[in-house]
């Protein structure tokens, strides 16, 4: 089972896996995080502790792993956005044929 299953609460994405998640803007109201997950890459367990919106720069087929053992597959299209709920811990694997790039906009 992937390492996401061991942690019930993880560090924020940009702290847990700074090679994948980089803060590109931050002020007192917002934080913008760019995520680049290489083809076949599985990121480290992390949390999304603030309400956010994710905007996909590329097509991103992913498999997400949760501490309770659940896995969820999805495929988001480039140019689309969606709300991200607060998540205490999960990890994601890029199961697509190319790199997955996205922007998270967190409201503080």
N, C-alpha and C. Protein backbone atom coordinates (compact mmCIF):
# COMPACT_ATOMS: atom_id res chain seq x y z
N UNK A 1 0.85 -1.18 0.00
CA UNK A 1 0.00 0.00 0.00
C UNK A 1 0.89 1.24 0.00
N UNK A 2 0.58 2.26 -0.76
CA UNK A 2 1.41 3.46 -0.82
C UNK A 2 1.53 4.12 0.55
N UNK A 3 2.59 4.91 0.70
CA UNK A 3 2.88 5.52 1.98
C UNK A 3 1.84 6.52 2.44
N UNK A 4 0.89 6.92 1.63
CA UNK A 4 -0.17 7.84 2.06
C UNK A 4 -1.04 7.21 3.13
N UNK A 5 -1.08 5.91 3.16
CA UNK A 5 -1.97 5.23 4.09
C UNK A 5 -1.48 5.30 5.53
N UNK A 6 -0.24 5.69 5.76
CA UNK A 6 0.29 5.68 7.12
C UNK A 6 -0.01 6.95 7.89
N UNK A 7 -0.17 8.06 7.25
CA UNK A 7 -0.34 9.33 7.96
C UNK A 7 -1.79 9.79 7.91
N UNK A 8 -2.40 9.98 9.08
CA UNK A 8 -3.76 10.50 9.13
C UNK A 8 -3.78 12.00 8.87
N UNK A 9 -2.76 12.71 9.34
CA UNK A 9 -2.64 14.14 9.10
C UNK A 9 -1.23 14.40 8.59
N UNK A 10 -1.12 15.06 7.48
CA UNK A 10 0.18 15.32 6.86
C UNK A 10 0.46 16.81 6.81
N UNK A 11 1.70 17.14 6.50
CA UNK A 11 2.10 18.53 6.30
C UNK A 11 1.46 19.07 5.03
N UNK A 12 1.35 20.40 4.91
CA UNK A 12 0.85 20.98 3.66
C UNK A 12 1.70 20.52 2.48
N UNK A 13 1.10 20.48 1.32
CA UNK A 13 1.75 19.95 0.11
C UNK A 13 3.13 20.55 -0.12
N UNK A 14 3.26 21.87 -0.06
CA UNK A 14 4.52 22.54 -0.37
C UNK A 14 5.60 22.27 0.67
N UNK A 15 5.23 21.84 1.88
CA UNK A 15 6.21 21.45 2.89
C UNK A 15 6.53 19.96 2.80
N UNK A 16 5.51 19.16 2.55
CA UNK A 16 5.69 17.71 2.50
C UNK A 16 6.47 17.25 1.28
N UNK A 17 6.29 17.94 0.15
CA UNK A 17 6.95 17.52 -1.09
C UNK A 17 7.32 18.73 -1.94
N UNK A 18 8.35 19.49 -1.50
CA UNK A 18 8.72 20.72 -2.21
C UNK A 18 9.28 20.50 -3.61
N UNK A 19 9.62 19.27 -3.96
CA UNK A 19 10.07 19.00 -5.34
C UNK A 19 8.88 19.02 -6.31
N UNK A 20 7.69 18.75 -5.81
CA UNK A 20 6.49 18.71 -6.64
C UNK A 20 5.67 20.00 -6.49
N UNK A 21 5.58 20.52 -5.27
CA UNK A 21 4.72 21.68 -4.97
C UNK A 21 5.57 22.88 -4.58
N UNK A 22 5.46 23.96 -5.33
CA UNK A 22 6.25 25.18 -5.08
C UNK A 22 5.32 26.37 -4.92
N UNK A 23 5.52 27.13 -3.83
CA UNK A 23 4.76 28.36 -3.63
C UNK A 23 5.31 29.40 -4.60
N UNK A 24 4.45 29.92 -5.48
CA UNK A 24 4.90 30.92 -6.46
C UNK A 24 4.38 32.31 -6.15
N UNK A 25 3.42 32.41 -5.21
CA UNK A 25 2.92 33.71 -4.76
C UNK A 25 2.26 33.51 -3.40
N UNK A 26 2.46 34.50 -2.52
CA UNK A 26 1.78 34.46 -1.23
C UNK A 26 1.66 35.86 -0.66
N UNK A 27 0.47 36.15 -0.12
CA UNK A 27 0.28 37.38 0.65
C UNK A 27 -0.63 37.03 1.82
N UNK A 28 -1.19 38.03 2.49
CA UNK A 28 -2.01 37.76 3.67
C UNK A 28 -3.35 37.11 3.34
N UNK A 29 -3.75 37.11 2.08
CA UNK A 29 -5.05 36.57 1.69
C UNK A 29 -5.00 35.26 0.90
N UNK A 30 -3.96 35.09 0.09
CA UNK A 30 -3.89 33.95 -0.83
C UNK A 30 -2.50 33.34 -0.86
N UNK A 31 -2.47 32.06 -1.24
CA UNK A 31 -1.22 31.36 -1.54
C UNK A 31 -1.46 30.64 -2.86
N UNK A 32 -0.53 30.78 -3.81
CA UNK A 32 -0.61 30.08 -5.09
C UNK A 32 0.53 29.08 -5.15
N UNK A 33 0.18 27.84 -5.42
CA UNK A 33 1.15 26.74 -5.44
C UNK A 33 1.12 26.11 -6.82
N UNK A 34 2.30 25.98 -7.43
CA UNK A 34 2.40 25.28 -8.71
C UNK A 34 2.83 23.84 -8.43
N UNK A 35 2.12 22.92 -9.04
CA UNK A 35 2.42 21.50 -8.90
C UNK A 35 2.86 20.96 -10.25
N UNK A 36 3.99 20.28 -10.26
CA UNK A 36 4.45 19.56 -11.46
C UNK A 36 4.77 18.14 -11.02
N UNK A 37 3.93 17.21 -11.44
CA UNK A 37 4.12 15.80 -11.14
C UNK A 37 4.52 15.12 -12.44
N UNK A 38 5.73 14.60 -12.47
CA UNK A 38 6.25 13.95 -13.68
C UNK A 38 5.46 12.68 -14.01
N UNK A 39 5.54 12.29 -15.26
CA UNK A 39 4.90 11.05 -15.72
C UNK A 39 5.32 9.90 -14.80
N UNK A 40 4.34 9.20 -14.25
CA UNK A 40 4.61 8.06 -13.38
C UNK A 40 4.98 8.41 -11.95
N UNK A 41 5.12 9.69 -11.63
CA UNK A 41 5.55 10.11 -10.29
C UNK A 41 4.41 10.00 -9.28
N UNK A 42 4.78 9.58 -8.09
CA UNK A 42 3.86 9.47 -6.96
C UNK A 42 4.36 10.43 -5.90
N UNK A 43 3.57 11.45 -5.57
CA UNK A 43 4.04 12.43 -4.59
C UNK A 43 3.94 11.89 -3.17
N UNK A 44 4.51 12.64 -2.23
CA UNK A 44 4.53 12.24 -0.82
C UNK A 44 3.19 12.60 -0.17
N UNK A 45 2.82 11.87 0.90
CA UNK A 45 1.59 12.21 1.60
C UNK A 45 1.60 13.68 2.03
N UNK A 46 0.47 14.34 1.83
CA UNK A 46 0.38 15.76 2.14
C UNK A 46 -1.07 16.12 2.41
N UNK A 47 -1.26 17.34 2.93
CA UNK A 47 -2.60 17.84 3.24
C UNK A 47 -2.91 19.08 2.43
N UNK A 48 -4.19 19.33 2.26
CA UNK A 48 -4.69 20.61 1.73
C UNK A 48 -5.53 21.18 2.87
N UNK A 49 -4.92 22.06 3.67
CA UNK A 49 -5.55 22.53 4.91
C UNK A 49 -6.41 23.76 4.74
N UNK A 50 -6.38 24.37 3.57
CA UNK A 50 -7.17 25.57 3.31
C UNK A 50 -8.09 25.33 2.12
N UNK A 51 -9.24 26.00 2.09
CA UNK A 51 -10.09 25.91 0.90
C UNK A 51 -9.30 26.40 -0.31
N UNK A 52 -9.44 25.70 -1.42
CA UNK A 52 -8.67 26.09 -2.60
C UNK A 52 -9.39 25.73 -3.88
N UNK A 53 -8.84 26.26 -4.96
CA UNK A 53 -9.28 25.93 -6.30
C UNK A 53 -8.05 25.45 -7.04
N UNK A 54 -8.19 24.38 -7.82
CA UNK A 54 -7.09 23.89 -8.64
C UNK A 54 -7.43 24.16 -10.10
N UNK A 55 -6.44 24.69 -10.83
CA UNK A 55 -6.57 24.95 -12.27
C UNK A 55 -5.54 24.08 -12.97
N UNK A 56 -5.98 23.29 -13.92
CA UNK A 56 -5.10 22.35 -14.61
C UNK A 56 -4.48 22.99 -15.84
N UNK A 57 -3.16 23.03 -15.86
CA UNK A 57 -2.42 23.57 -17.00
C UNK A 57 -2.25 22.52 -18.10
N UNK A 58 -2.28 21.25 -17.71
CA UNK A 58 -2.17 20.12 -18.64
C UNK A 58 -3.24 19.09 -18.28
N UNK A 59 -3.47 18.14 -19.16
CA UNK A 59 -4.34 17.01 -18.80
C UNK A 59 -3.67 16.24 -17.67
N UNK A 60 -4.45 15.81 -16.68
CA UNK A 60 -3.88 15.18 -15.49
C UNK A 60 -4.67 13.95 -15.05
N UNK A 61 -4.41 12.80 -15.66
CA UNK A 61 -4.99 11.56 -15.13
C UNK A 61 -4.24 11.18 -13.85
N UNK A 62 -4.97 11.00 -12.75
CA UNK A 62 -4.32 10.71 -11.48
C UNK A 62 -5.02 9.59 -10.73
N UNK A 63 -4.26 9.00 -9.83
CA UNK A 63 -4.80 8.05 -8.86
C UNK A 63 -4.44 8.61 -7.48
N UNK A 64 -5.47 8.84 -6.65
CA UNK A 64 -5.25 9.37 -5.31
C UNK A 64 -5.37 8.24 -4.29
N UNK A 65 -4.52 8.32 -3.26
CA UNK A 65 -4.48 7.32 -2.19
C UNK A 65 -4.81 8.01 -0.87
N UNK A 66 -5.70 7.39 -0.08
CA UNK A 66 -6.14 7.96 1.19
C UNK A 66 -5.77 7.04 2.34
N UNK A 67 -5.61 7.60 3.56
CA UNK A 67 -5.18 6.80 4.71
C UNK A 67 -6.09 5.62 5.03
N UNK A 68 -7.36 5.69 4.67
CA UNK A 68 -8.28 4.59 4.97
C UNK A 68 -8.18 3.45 3.95
N UNK A 69 -7.23 3.57 3.00
CA UNK A 69 -7.03 2.52 2.01
C UNK A 69 -7.76 2.74 0.70
N UNK A 70 -8.62 3.75 0.65
CA UNK A 70 -9.34 4.04 -0.60
C UNK A 70 -8.39 4.57 -1.66
N UNK A 71 -8.68 4.25 -2.91
CA UNK A 71 -8.01 4.88 -4.05
C UNK A 71 -9.10 5.43 -4.96
N UNK A 72 -8.80 6.58 -5.55
CA UNK A 72 -9.75 7.23 -6.45
C UNK A 72 -8.99 7.65 -7.70
N UNK A 73 -9.48 7.24 -8.86
CA UNK A 73 -8.88 7.66 -10.12
C UNK A 73 -9.74 8.73 -10.77
N UNK A 74 -9.06 9.66 -11.43
CA UNK A 74 -9.77 10.71 -12.15
C UNK A 74 -8.88 11.26 -13.25
N UNK A 75 -9.49 11.98 -14.16
CA UNK A 75 -8.75 12.58 -15.27
C UNK A 75 -9.27 13.99 -15.48
N UNK A 76 -8.48 14.98 -15.09
CA UNK A 76 -8.86 16.38 -15.27
C UNK A 76 -8.24 16.91 -16.55
N UNK A 77 -8.99 17.71 -17.26
CA UNK A 77 -8.55 18.25 -18.55
C UNK A 77 -7.87 19.60 -18.39
N UNK A 78 -6.88 19.86 -19.23
CA UNK A 78 -6.21 21.17 -19.26
C UNK A 78 -7.25 22.26 -19.47
N UNK A 79 -7.08 23.37 -18.74
CA UNK A 79 -7.99 24.50 -18.88
C UNK A 79 -9.22 24.42 -18.00
N UNK A 80 -9.34 23.37 -17.19
CA UNK A 80 -10.48 23.27 -16.28
C UNK A 80 -10.04 23.58 -14.85
N UNK A 81 -11.03 23.90 -14.02
CA UNK A 81 -10.77 24.20 -12.61
C UNK A 81 -11.81 23.50 -11.76
N UNK A 82 -11.45 23.26 -10.51
CA UNK A 82 -12.41 22.67 -9.59
C UNK A 82 -12.06 23.05 -8.16
N UNK A 83 -13.06 23.06 -7.29
CA UNK A 83 -12.85 23.32 -5.87
C UNK A 83 -12.18 22.09 -5.25
N UNK A 84 -11.27 22.36 -4.31
CA UNK A 84 -10.59 21.28 -3.58
C UNK A 84 -11.03 21.38 -2.12
N UNK A 85 -11.62 20.32 -1.59
CA UNK A 85 -12.01 20.36 -0.18
C UNK A 85 -10.78 20.29 0.72
N UNK A 86 -10.96 20.63 1.97
CA UNK A 86 -9.87 20.45 2.94
C UNK A 86 -9.63 18.95 3.06
N UNK A 87 -8.38 18.54 2.90
CA UNK A 87 -7.99 17.12 2.95
C UNK A 87 -6.87 16.99 3.97
N UNK A 88 -7.06 16.13 4.97
CA UNK A 88 -6.05 15.96 6.01
C UNK A 88 -4.82 15.19 5.52
N UNK A 89 -5.02 14.22 4.66
CA UNK A 89 -3.88 13.46 4.15
C UNK A 89 -4.28 12.67 2.91
N UNK A 90 -3.43 12.71 1.92
CA UNK A 90 -3.55 11.86 0.74
C UNK A 90 -2.26 11.99 -0.05
N UNK A 91 -2.12 11.17 -1.06
CA UNK A 91 -1.04 11.33 -2.03
C UNK A 91 -1.64 11.04 -3.40
N UNK A 92 -0.92 11.47 -4.43
CA UNK A 92 -1.44 11.31 -5.79
C UNK A 92 -0.35 10.79 -6.71
N UNK A 93 -0.75 9.99 -7.65
CA UNK A 93 0.15 9.40 -8.64
C UNK A 93 -0.29 9.86 -10.02
N UNK A 94 0.66 10.31 -10.82
CA UNK A 94 0.38 10.69 -12.20
C UNK A 94 0.35 9.40 -13.02
N UNK A 95 -0.83 9.02 -13.48
CA UNK A 95 -0.96 7.78 -14.26
C UNK A 95 -1.11 8.06 -15.75
N UNK A 96 -0.85 9.30 -16.14
CA UNK A 96 -0.98 9.69 -17.54
C UNK A 96 0.31 9.52 -18.33
N UNK A 97 0.27 9.82 -19.63
CA UNK A 97 1.42 9.64 -20.51
C UNK A 97 2.40 10.82 -20.52
N UNK A 98 2.08 11.89 -19.76
CA UNK A 98 2.92 13.10 -19.77
C UNK A 98 2.89 13.73 -18.38
N UNK A 99 3.72 14.76 -18.18
CA UNK A 99 3.75 15.48 -16.91
C UNK A 99 2.39 16.12 -16.64
N UNK A 100 2.05 16.22 -15.37
CA UNK A 100 0.81 16.86 -14.91
C UNK A 100 1.18 18.17 -14.23
N UNK A 101 0.66 19.29 -14.74
CA UNK A 101 0.95 20.60 -14.16
C UNK A 101 -0.35 21.28 -13.77
N UNK A 102 -0.35 21.87 -12.57
CA UNK A 102 -1.55 22.56 -12.10
C UNK A 102 -1.18 23.68 -11.14
N UNK A 103 -2.15 24.55 -10.90
CA UNK A 103 -2.00 25.65 -9.95
C UNK A 103 -3.09 25.51 -8.89
N UNK A 104 -2.69 25.58 -7.63
CA UNK A 104 -3.63 25.64 -6.51
C UNK A 104 -3.68 27.07 -6.03
N UNK A 105 -4.86 27.61 -5.86
CA UNK A 105 -5.04 28.93 -5.26
C UNK A 105 -5.76 28.71 -3.93
N UNK A 106 -5.02 28.94 -2.83
CA UNK A 106 -5.57 28.74 -1.50
C UNK A 106 -6.02 30.06 -0.91
N UNK A 107 -7.20 30.08 -0.31
CA UNK A 107 -7.69 31.27 0.40
C UNK A 107 -7.34 31.10 1.86
N UNK A 108 -6.58 32.06 2.39
CA UNK A 108 -6.17 31.99 3.80
C UNK A 108 -7.29 32.43 4.72
